[in-house]
Every structure is written in structure tokens, then in C-alpha cells.
Amino acid sequence: MKRRRLFMIILFFLIAFTLHNIEEALFLPAWSKTSRFQRTVEPKVFYFAVSIVTLVACSIGALYLLGSEKLWITYLQTGLIGAMLINVIMPHAVAAITERRYAPGIVTGAVLLLPIGSVAMIHVIQSEKLTMLEAVFSSVGAGILLLGLIYILFGIGEKICKLKPR
């Protein structure tokens, strides 16, 4: 029963993550043109990067849900959840409060990621018998990896979008 509950919670987290990225894809490129928090991002570049990040996150989740016994998969899944919980606060909530306007990602972050991610984190820690310190380190590590991946994907996306078809 516990494994089934954890399965459903992680599945809901991955759905929330995907919806969050869709919200950002719909609104962030235009918002970035007037924001102090985000450099201007071309829509195609952002769509490319957010699509790859979503695929990577769902792949990690799938490996975890399929019952991989590898500890690093557990750390990656736990870290992804924690990184997204942090992501709701910084930059989304901080940007919305500071700029006193909607920040793309804040709605799905507050309504979906915070509650589902919090429940998922608690269940993963309890079921996997992770310490709070391991969860924190996983979250920080995954956050750093995500930022690095996004930076790299923006660079690749910019190069791809500059290519002209023959």
C-alpha cells in the first residue's frame, strides 16, 4: 500500500512539474522582456530548453517509479522534488512579490508543486529512509545540476535557432 501511494504521489508530482513547465512556456518568453529577474529569452530557445528539462525530469521519475534499486536514482528524484520546492520560492514567488505582478510559474508552483512536492518529499524520505540532510544535499545538488542543464540548453537552443534551413 505504501509503495502504491508513493507511486501515485510521484506520478502527480511529475504531472505538476510538466504543467508548471507548460505555464512557463506559455508566458515566460513575453514576460522576460520586461522583467528584472530574467534575461530576455526567445520563445523557440525556451521551448527547446524546457522540453528537454521536462523529458529529463520525467525520465528520472520513470526510473524511480519502475523500482530502480540504484541509490543515485533515489537521490536524483528526491533532489528534483526539493529543487522544485525551492524553485517556487526563488525565483517565482520572489519575482512576483518584488515586481508586484504575475510571474510565470507562480500559479502552478503555489497550487500544485508546493503541496504535491511537499507530500512527495515527506513520503520519499519516509519510504526510502533518507535523512533530512541527504534530502537537503540532494535538493541543492539537483538544483545546481538543473541550473547547469538549463544554461547549456539555452546555449544549444540559441545555436539551433540561428541555423537556417537550406
N, C-alpha and C. Protein backbone atom coordinates (compact mmCIF):
# COMPACT_ATOMS: atom_id res chain seq x y z
N MET A 1 0.82 -1.20 0.00
CA MET A 1 0.00 0.00 0.00
C MET A 1 0.86 1.26 0.00
N LYS A 2 1.93 1.25 0.82
CA LYS A 2 2.80 2.43 0.88
C LYS A 2 3.46 2.68 -0.47
N ARG A 3 3.91 1.61 -1.12
CA ARG A 3 4.58 1.74 -2.41
C ARG A 3 3.61 2.30 -3.46
N ARG A 4 2.37 1.83 -3.42
CA ARG A 4 1.36 2.31 -4.37
C ARG A 4 1.07 3.79 -4.14
N ARG A 5 0.97 4.18 -2.88
CA ARG A 5 0.72 5.59 -2.55
C ARG A 5 1.89 6.45 -3.03
N LEU A 6 3.11 6.00 -2.77
CA LEU A 6 4.29 6.73 -3.22
C LEU A 6 4.30 6.83 -4.74
N PHE A 7 3.95 5.75 -5.42
CA PHE A 7 3.88 5.75 -6.88
C PHE A 7 2.95 6.85 -7.37
N MET A 8 1.76 6.91 -6.78
CA MET A 8 0.76 7.91 -7.20
C MET A 8 1.23 9.33 -6.89
N ILE A 9 1.86 9.53 -5.75
CA ILE A 9 2.34 10.86 -5.38
C ILE A 9 3.43 11.33 -6.34
N ILE A 10 4.37 10.45 -6.65
CA ILE A 10 5.44 10.81 -7.59
C ILE A 10 4.85 11.07 -8.98
N LEU A 11 3.89 10.26 -9.38
CA LEU A 11 3.23 10.48 -10.66
C LEU A 11 2.54 11.85 -10.69
N PHE A 12 1.83 12.20 -9.63
CA PHE A 12 1.19 13.52 -9.55
C PHE A 12 2.24 14.63 -9.55
N PHE A 13 3.38 14.40 -8.88
CA PHE A 13 4.45 15.40 -8.89
C PHE A 13 4.95 15.63 -10.32
N LEU A 14 5.15 14.56 -11.07
CA LEU A 14 5.64 14.69 -12.45
C LEU A 14 4.62 15.40 -13.33
N ILE A 15 3.35 15.15 -13.10
CA ILE A 15 2.30 15.88 -13.83
C ILE A 15 2.34 17.36 -13.46
N ALA A 16 2.48 17.65 -12.16
CA ALA A 16 2.56 19.04 -11.70
C ALA A 16 3.79 19.73 -12.30
N PHE A 17 4.92 19.02 -12.34
CA PHE A 17 6.16 19.55 -12.91
C PHE A 17 5.94 19.90 -14.39
N THR A 18 5.30 19.00 -15.11
CA THR A 18 5.03 19.22 -16.54
C THR A 18 4.10 20.41 -16.74
N LEU A 19 3.03 20.48 -15.96
CA LEU A 19 2.10 21.62 -16.06
C LEU A 19 2.80 22.94 -15.72
N HIS A 20 3.69 22.89 -14.73
CA HIS A 20 4.47 24.08 -14.35
C HIS A 20 5.32 24.55 -15.54
N ASN A 21 5.97 23.60 -16.20
CA ASN A 21 6.80 23.97 -17.34
C ASN A 21 5.97 24.46 -18.53
N ILE A 22 4.77 23.92 -18.68
CA ILE A 22 3.86 24.42 -19.73
C ILE A 22 3.46 25.86 -19.42
N GLU A 23 3.14 26.15 -18.15
CA GLU A 23 2.80 27.53 -17.77
C GLU A 23 3.96 28.47 -18.09
N GLU A 24 5.17 28.05 -17.74
CA GLU A 24 6.33 28.89 -18.05
C GLU A 24 6.51 29.05 -19.56
N ALA A 25 6.33 27.98 -20.32
CA ALA A 25 6.49 28.07 -21.77
C ALA A 25 5.48 29.02 -22.40
N LEU A 26 4.28 29.04 -21.86
CA LEU A 26 3.24 29.92 -22.40
C LEU A 26 3.50 31.40 -22.12
N PHE A 27 4.05 31.70 -20.95
CA PHE A 27 4.10 33.10 -20.52
C PHE A 27 5.49 33.69 -20.28
N LEU A 28 6.50 32.86 -20.05
CA LEU A 28 7.81 33.40 -19.68
C LEU A 28 8.51 34.18 -20.80
N PRO A 29 8.51 33.71 -22.05
CA PRO A 29 9.22 34.48 -23.07
C PRO A 29 8.76 35.94 -23.17
N ALA A 30 7.46 36.19 -23.18
CA ALA A 30 6.96 37.57 -23.25
C ALA A 30 7.26 38.32 -21.96
N TRP A 31 7.06 37.67 -20.83
CA TRP A 31 7.30 38.28 -19.52
C TRP A 31 8.77 38.67 -19.36
N SER A 32 9.68 37.85 -19.91
CA SER A 32 11.12 38.09 -19.73
C SER A 32 11.57 39.40 -20.36
N LYS A 33 10.81 39.92 -21.32
CA LYS A 33 11.19 41.16 -21.99
C LYS A 33 11.10 42.37 -21.06
N THR A 34 10.30 42.28 -20.01
CA THR A 34 10.13 43.42 -19.10
C THR A 34 10.53 43.11 -17.67
N SER A 35 11.08 41.94 -17.43
CA SER A 35 11.42 41.53 -16.06
C SER A 35 12.86 41.84 -15.71
N ARG A 36 13.07 42.18 -14.44
CA ARG A 36 14.43 42.37 -13.93
C ARG A 36 15.03 41.03 -13.50
N PHE A 37 14.21 39.98 -13.40
CA PHE A 37 14.65 38.69 -12.89
C PHE A 37 15.12 37.73 -13.97
N GLN A 38 14.76 38.00 -15.19
CA GLN A 38 15.04 37.05 -16.26
C GLN A 38 15.52 37.80 -17.48
N ARG A 39 16.66 37.39 -18.02
CA ARG A 39 17.08 38.00 -19.27
C ARG A 39 16.08 37.59 -20.34
N THR A 40 15.99 38.38 -21.37
CA THR A 40 15.04 38.10 -22.44
C THR A 40 15.37 36.76 -23.08
N VAL A 41 14.35 35.94 -23.21
CA VAL A 41 14.51 34.61 -23.77
C VAL A 41 13.64 34.50 -25.01
N GLU A 42 14.25 34.05 -26.09
CA GLU A 42 13.49 33.83 -27.32
C GLU A 42 12.57 32.62 -27.12
N PRO A 43 11.34 32.70 -27.58
CA PRO A 43 10.40 31.61 -27.36
C PRO A 43 10.91 30.24 -27.81
N LYS A 44 11.45 30.13 -29.02
CA LYS A 44 11.91 28.83 -29.52
C LYS A 44 13.03 28.26 -28.66
N VAL A 45 13.92 29.13 -28.20
CA VAL A 45 15.02 28.69 -27.34
C VAL A 45 14.46 28.17 -26.02
N PHE A 46 13.51 28.90 -25.46
CA PHE A 46 12.92 28.47 -24.19
C PHE A 46 12.14 27.17 -24.36
N TYR A 47 11.37 27.05 -25.44
CA TYR A 47 10.61 25.82 -25.69
C TYR A 47 11.54 24.62 -25.78
N PHE A 48 12.65 24.81 -26.47
CA PHE A 48 13.64 23.73 -26.60
C PHE A 48 14.15 23.33 -25.22
N ALA A 49 14.62 24.30 -24.45
CA ALA A 49 15.21 24.01 -23.14
C ALA A 49 14.20 23.39 -22.18
N VAL A 50 13.00 23.96 -22.11
CA VAL A 50 12.00 23.47 -21.16
C VAL A 50 11.51 22.08 -21.56
N SER A 51 11.49 21.78 -22.84
CA SER A 51 11.09 20.44 -23.30
C SER A 51 12.10 19.39 -22.86
N ILE A 52 13.37 19.69 -23.04
CA ILE A 52 14.42 18.74 -22.66
C ILE A 52 14.44 18.56 -21.14
N VAL A 53 14.34 19.64 -20.39
CA VAL A 53 14.32 19.55 -18.92
C VAL A 53 13.14 18.70 -18.46
N THR A 54 11.99 18.89 -19.08
CA THR A 54 10.80 18.10 -18.71
C THR A 54 11.02 16.63 -19.03
N LEU A 55 11.60 16.33 -20.19
CA LEU A 55 11.90 14.94 -20.55
C LEU A 55 12.89 14.31 -19.57
N VAL A 56 13.91 15.05 -19.19
CA VAL A 56 14.89 14.53 -18.23
C VAL A 56 14.22 14.24 -16.89
N ALA A 57 13.42 15.18 -16.41
CA ALA A 57 12.74 15.00 -15.12
C ALA A 57 11.79 13.81 -15.16
N CYS A 58 11.04 13.68 -16.23
CA CYS A 58 10.11 12.55 -16.34
C CYS A 58 10.86 11.23 -16.49
N SER A 59 12.02 11.25 -17.11
CA SER A 59 12.85 10.04 -17.22
C SER A 59 13.36 9.61 -15.84
N ILE A 60 13.81 10.58 -15.06
CA ILE A 60 14.24 10.28 -13.69
C ILE A 60 13.08 9.71 -12.90
N GLY A 61 11.92 10.35 -13.01
CA GLY A 61 10.73 9.87 -12.32
C GLY A 61 10.34 8.47 -12.75
N ALA A 62 10.42 8.20 -14.06
CA ALA A 62 10.07 6.87 -14.57
C ALA A 62 11.02 5.81 -14.02
N LEU A 63 12.31 6.11 -14.01
CA LEU A 63 13.28 5.16 -13.44
C LEU A 63 12.97 4.89 -11.97
N TYR A 64 12.65 5.94 -11.25
CA TYR A 64 12.32 5.80 -9.83
C TYR A 64 11.04 4.98 -9.67
N LEU A 65 10.01 5.29 -10.46
CA LEU A 65 8.73 4.59 -10.34
C LEU A 65 8.81 3.13 -10.76
N LEU A 66 9.71 2.83 -11.68
CA LEU A 66 9.87 1.45 -12.13
C LEU A 66 10.63 0.60 -11.11
N GLY A 67 11.00 1.22 -10.02
CA GLY A 67 11.60 0.47 -8.92
C GLY A 67 13.08 0.26 -9.01
N SER A 68 13.78 1.18 -9.63
CA SER A 68 15.23 1.07 -9.68
C SER A 68 15.79 1.01 -8.26
N GLU A 69 16.65 0.06 -8.04
CA GLU A 69 17.26 -0.12 -6.72
C GLU A 69 18.50 0.77 -6.56
N LYS A 70 18.83 1.51 -7.57
CA LYS A 70 20.02 2.36 -7.52
C LYS A 70 19.78 3.54 -6.59
N LEU A 71 20.68 3.74 -5.66
CA LEU A 71 20.55 4.83 -4.70
C LEU A 71 20.60 6.19 -5.39
N TRP A 72 21.41 6.30 -6.44
CA TRP A 72 21.54 7.60 -7.11
C TRP A 72 20.23 8.03 -7.77
N ILE A 73 19.39 7.07 -8.19
CA ILE A 73 18.08 7.42 -8.74
C ILE A 73 17.20 8.02 -7.64
N THR A 74 17.26 7.42 -6.45
CA THR A 74 16.50 7.95 -5.31
C THR A 74 16.97 9.36 -4.98
N TYR A 75 18.29 9.56 -4.98
CA TYR A 75 18.83 10.90 -4.70
C TYR A 75 18.40 11.90 -5.77
N LEU A 76 18.43 11.48 -7.04
CA LEU A 76 18.02 12.39 -8.12
C LEU A 76 16.54 12.75 -8.00
N GLN A 77 15.69 11.75 -7.72
CA GLN A 77 14.25 12.02 -7.60
C GLN A 77 13.98 12.92 -6.40
N THR A 78 14.60 12.61 -5.28
CA THR A 78 14.44 13.44 -4.08
C THR A 78 14.95 14.85 -4.35
N GLY A 79 16.10 14.94 -5.01
CA GLY A 79 16.68 16.24 -5.33
C GLY A 79 15.81 17.05 -6.27
N LEU A 80 15.22 16.39 -7.25
CA LEU A 80 14.33 17.07 -8.19
C LEU A 80 13.13 17.67 -7.45
N ILE A 81 12.55 16.89 -6.56
CA ILE A 81 11.41 17.38 -5.78
C ILE A 81 11.83 18.59 -4.95
N GLY A 82 12.94 18.46 -4.24
CA GLY A 82 13.42 19.56 -3.40
C GLY A 82 13.79 20.79 -4.20
N ALA A 83 14.44 20.58 -5.35
CA ALA A 83 14.83 21.71 -6.20
C ALA A 83 13.59 22.46 -6.69
N MET A 84 12.54 21.74 -7.00
CA MET A 84 11.31 22.40 -7.47
C MET A 84 10.59 23.12 -6.32
N LEU A 85 10.69 22.59 -5.12
CA LEU A 85 10.11 23.30 -3.97
C LEU A 85 10.84 24.63 -3.76
N ILE A 86 12.16 24.58 -3.87
CA ILE A 86 12.96 25.81 -3.75
C ILE A 86 12.63 26.76 -4.91
N ASN A 87 12.47 26.20 -6.11
CA ASN A 87 12.17 26.98 -7.31
C ASN A 87 10.88 27.78 -7.20
N VAL A 88 9.91 27.27 -6.47
CA VAL A 88 8.66 28.01 -6.30
C VAL A 88 8.93 29.31 -5.54
N ILE A 89 9.79 29.23 -4.53
CA ILE A 89 10.12 30.42 -3.73
C ILE A 89 11.05 31.34 -4.51
N MET A 90 12.16 30.78 -4.99
CA MET A 90 13.15 31.56 -5.73
C MET A 90 13.36 30.91 -7.07
N PRO A 91 12.95 31.46 -8.13
CA PRO A 91 12.67 32.86 -8.36
C PRO A 91 11.20 33.25 -8.39
N HIS A 92 10.27 32.29 -8.50
CA HIS A 92 8.88 32.64 -8.80
C HIS A 92 8.21 33.55 -7.78
N ALA A 93 8.17 33.15 -6.52
CA ALA A 93 7.49 33.97 -5.50
C ALA A 93 8.22 35.30 -5.31
N VAL A 94 9.55 35.25 -5.27
CA VAL A 94 10.33 36.49 -5.09
C VAL A 94 10.07 37.44 -6.25
N ALA A 95 10.05 36.93 -7.47
CA ALA A 95 9.79 37.79 -8.64
C ALA A 95 8.39 38.38 -8.59
N ALA A 96 7.41 37.57 -8.24
CA ALA A 96 6.02 38.07 -8.18
C ALA A 96 5.86 39.15 -7.11
N ILE A 97 6.47 38.94 -5.96
CA ILE A 97 6.37 39.91 -4.87
C ILE A 97 7.13 41.18 -5.21
N THR A 98 8.36 41.04 -5.67
CA THR A 98 9.20 42.20 -5.97
C THR A 98 8.63 43.03 -7.11
N GLU A 99 8.19 42.37 -8.16
CA GLU A 99 7.68 43.11 -9.32
C GLU A 99 6.19 43.44 -9.20
N ARG A 100 5.57 42.91 -8.16
CA ARG A 100 4.14 43.16 -7.89
C ARG A 100 3.26 42.84 -9.10
N ARG A 101 3.58 41.73 -9.72
CA ARG A 101 2.79 41.26 -10.85
C ARG A 101 3.01 39.76 -11.01
N TYR A 102 2.22 39.20 -11.87
CA TYR A 102 2.31 37.77 -12.16
C TYR A 102 3.70 37.41 -12.65
N ALA A 103 4.23 36.32 -12.13
CA ALA A 103 5.49 35.76 -12.63
C ALA A 103 5.18 34.36 -13.16
N PRO A 104 5.52 34.07 -14.41
CA PRO A 104 5.21 32.76 -14.98
C PRO A 104 5.74 31.61 -14.11
N GLY A 105 4.87 30.69 -13.80
CA GLY A 105 5.24 29.55 -12.97
C GLY A 105 4.72 29.65 -11.55
N ILE A 106 4.30 30.85 -11.13
CA ILE A 106 3.88 31.03 -9.74
C ILE A 106 2.56 30.31 -9.45
N VAL A 107 1.65 30.28 -10.42
CA VAL A 107 0.33 29.66 -10.18
C VAL A 107 0.48 28.16 -9.99
N THR A 108 1.09 27.48 -10.95
CA THR A 108 1.27 26.03 -10.81
C THR A 108 2.24 25.70 -9.69
N GLY A 109 3.19 26.60 -9.45
CA GLY A 109 4.12 26.38 -8.35
C GLY A 109 3.41 26.39 -7.01
N ALA A 110 2.58 27.41 -6.78
CA ALA A 110 1.89 27.54 -5.49
C ALA A 110 0.75 26.54 -5.34
N VAL A 111 0.01 26.32 -6.42
CA VAL A 111 -1.19 25.47 -6.34
C VAL A 111 -0.87 23.98 -6.47
N LEU A 112 0.14 23.64 -7.26
CA LEU A 112 0.45 22.23 -7.50
C LEU A 112 1.78 21.78 -6.90
N LEU A 113 2.87 22.46 -7.26
CA LEU A 113 4.18 21.98 -6.85
C LEU A 113 4.42 22.02 -5.35
N LEU A 114 4.03 23.11 -4.70
CA LEU A 114 4.25 23.18 -3.24
C LEU A 114 3.51 22.09 -2.49
N PRO A 115 2.20 21.94 -2.67
CA PRO A 115 1.52 20.89 -1.90
C PRO A 115 1.92 19.47 -2.32
N ILE A 116 1.93 19.20 -3.61
CA ILE A 116 2.26 17.85 -4.07
C ILE A 116 3.73 17.54 -3.80
N GLY A 117 4.60 18.51 -4.07
CA GLY A 117 6.03 18.31 -3.81
C GLY A 117 6.34 18.09 -2.34
N SER A 118 5.65 18.81 -1.47
CA SER A 118 5.87 18.64 -0.02
C SER A 118 5.45 17.24 0.42
N VAL A 119 4.29 16.81 -0.03
CA VAL A 119 3.83 15.45 0.32
C VAL A 119 4.77 14.41 -0.27
N ALA A 120 5.20 14.62 -1.52
CA ALA A 120 6.13 13.68 -2.16
C ALA A 120 7.44 13.61 -1.39
N MET A 121 7.96 14.76 -0.98
CA MET A 121 9.23 14.77 -0.24
C MET A 121 9.09 14.00 1.07
N ILE A 122 8.02 14.22 1.79
CA ILE A 122 7.81 13.52 3.06
C ILE A 122 7.74 12.01 2.82
N HIS A 123 6.97 11.59 1.82
CA HIS A 123 6.83 10.16 1.55
C HIS A 123 8.14 9.53 1.07
N VAL A 124 8.88 10.22 0.23
CA VAL A 124 10.15 9.68 -0.25
C VAL A 124 11.12 9.53 0.93
N ILE A 125 11.21 10.53 1.76
CA ILE A 125 12.11 10.46 2.92
C ILE A 125 11.71 9.31 3.83
N GLN A 126 10.42 9.17 4.11
CA GLN A 126 9.96 8.10 5.00
C GLN A 126 10.13 6.72 4.37
N SER A 127 9.73 6.57 3.11
CA SER A 127 9.77 5.24 2.50
C SER A 127 11.18 4.81 2.14
N GLU A 128 12.02 5.73 1.79
CA GLU A 128 13.39 5.40 1.41
C GLU A 128 14.35 5.50 2.60
N LYS A 129 13.82 5.93 3.71
CA LYS A 129 14.61 6.08 4.93
C LYS A 129 15.82 7.00 4.71
N LEU A 130 15.57 8.09 4.01
CA LEU A 130 16.61 9.10 3.82
C LEU A 130 16.62 10.03 5.01
N THR A 131 17.78 10.55 5.32
CA THR A 131 17.85 11.56 6.38
C THR A 131 17.49 12.91 5.78
N MET A 132 17.15 13.83 6.64
CA MET A 132 16.85 15.18 6.18
C MET A 132 18.08 15.79 5.50
N LEU A 133 19.26 15.51 6.04
CA LEU A 133 20.50 16.03 5.46
C LEU A 133 20.69 15.50 4.04
N GLU A 134 20.42 14.22 3.83
CA GLU A 134 20.52 13.65 2.48
C GLU A 134 19.53 14.32 1.52
N ALA A 135 18.33 14.58 2.01
CA ALA A 135 17.32 15.25 1.18
C ALA A 135 17.75 16.67 0.83
N VAL A 136 18.33 17.37 1.80
CA VAL A 136 18.80 18.74 1.55
C VAL A 136 19.94 18.73 0.53
N PHE A 137 20.93 17.86 0.74
CA PHE A 137 22.05 17.79 -0.20
C PHE A 137 21.58 17.38 -1.59
N SER A 138 20.64 16.44 -1.65
CA SER A 138 20.09 16.02 -2.94
C SER A 138 19.39 17.19 -3.63
N SER A 139 18.65 17.97 -2.86
CA SER A 139 17.91 19.11 -3.42
C SER A 139 18.86 20.18 -3.95
N VAL A 140 19.87 20.50 -3.17
CA VAL A 140 20.84 21.51 -3.61
C VAL A 140 21.61 21.00 -4.83
N GLY A 141 22.04 19.75 -4.77
CA GLY A 141 22.77 19.17 -5.90
C GLY A 141 21.94 19.13 -7.16
N ALA A 142 20.70 18.70 -7.04
CA ALA A 142 19.82 18.65 -8.22
C ALA A 142 19.53 20.05 -8.73
N GLY A 143 19.38 21.01 -7.83
CA GLY A 143 19.17 22.40 -8.25
C GLY A 143 20.34 22.92 -9.06
N ILE A 144 21.54 22.63 -8.60
CA ILE A 144 22.74 23.06 -9.33
C ILE A 144 22.80 22.37 -10.69
N LEU A 145 22.52 21.06 -10.71
CA LEU A 145 22.51 20.34 -11.99
C LEU A 145 21.46 20.90 -12.95
N LEU A 146 20.27 21.21 -12.43
CA LEU A 146 19.21 21.79 -13.27
C LEU A 146 19.61 23.14 -13.84
N LEU A 147 20.19 23.99 -13.00
CA LEU A 147 20.64 25.30 -13.48
C LEU A 147 21.70 25.15 -14.57
N GLY A 148 22.64 24.23 -14.35
CA GLY A 148 23.67 23.97 -15.36
C GLY A 148 23.08 23.44 -16.65
N LEU A 149 22.15 22.51 -16.52
CA LEU A 149 21.49 21.94 -17.70
C LEU A 149 20.73 23.01 -18.47
N ILE A 150 20.00 23.85 -17.75
CA ILE A 150 19.23 24.92 -18.40
C ILE A 150 20.17 25.88 -19.13
N TYR A 151 21.26 26.25 -18.49
CA TYR A 151 22.25 27.15 -19.11
C TYR A 151 22.80 26.54 -20.41
N ILE A 152 23.16 25.26 -20.34
CA ILE A 152 23.69 24.57 -21.52
C ILE A 152 22.62 24.48 -22.61
N LEU A 153 21.39 24.15 -22.22
CA LEU A 153 20.31 24.01 -23.20
C LEU A 153 19.95 25.34 -23.85
N PHE A 154 20.03 26.43 -23.09
CA PHE A 154 19.81 27.75 -23.70
C PHE A 154 20.87 28.01 -24.77
N GLY A 155 22.12 27.68 -24.47
CA GLY A 155 23.20 27.86 -25.45
C GLY A 155 22.98 27.02 -26.69
N ILE A 156 22.63 25.76 -26.50
CA ILE A 156 22.37 24.88 -27.64
C ILE A 156 21.15 25.38 -28.41
N GLY A 157 20.11 25.76 -27.69
CA GLY A 157 18.89 26.26 -28.33
C GLY A 157 19.15 27.50 -29.16
N GLU A 158 19.99 28.40 -28.65
CA GLU A 158 20.32 29.62 -29.41
C GLU A 158 21.04 29.27 -30.70
N LYS A 159 21.95 28.29 -30.64
CA LYS A 159 22.67 27.88 -31.84
C LYS A 159 21.73 27.20 -32.84
N ILE A 160 20.86 26.33 -32.35
CA ILE A 160 19.91 25.64 -33.22
C ILE A 160 18.96 26.63 -33.89
N CYS A 161 18.48 27.58 -33.13
CA CYS A 161 17.51 28.55 -33.67
C CYS A 161 18.14 29.51 -34.68
N LYS A 162 19.46 29.66 -34.63
CA LYS A 162 20.14 30.53 -35.60
C LYS A 162 20.40 29.82 -36.92
N LEU A 163 20.33 28.48 -36.92
CA LEU A 163 20.54 27.72 -38.15
C LEU A 163 19.38 27.99 -39.09
N LYS A 164 19.71 28.21 -40.33
CA LYS A 164 18.67 28.48 -41.32
C LYS A 164 18.52 27.25 -42.22
N PRO A 165 17.28 26.86 -42.49
CA PRO A 165 17.09 25.71 -43.39
C PRO A 165 17.55 26.05 -44.80
N ARG A 166 18.04 25.04 -45.48
CA ARG A 166 18.54 25.25 -46.85
C ARG A 166 17.44 25.25 -47.83
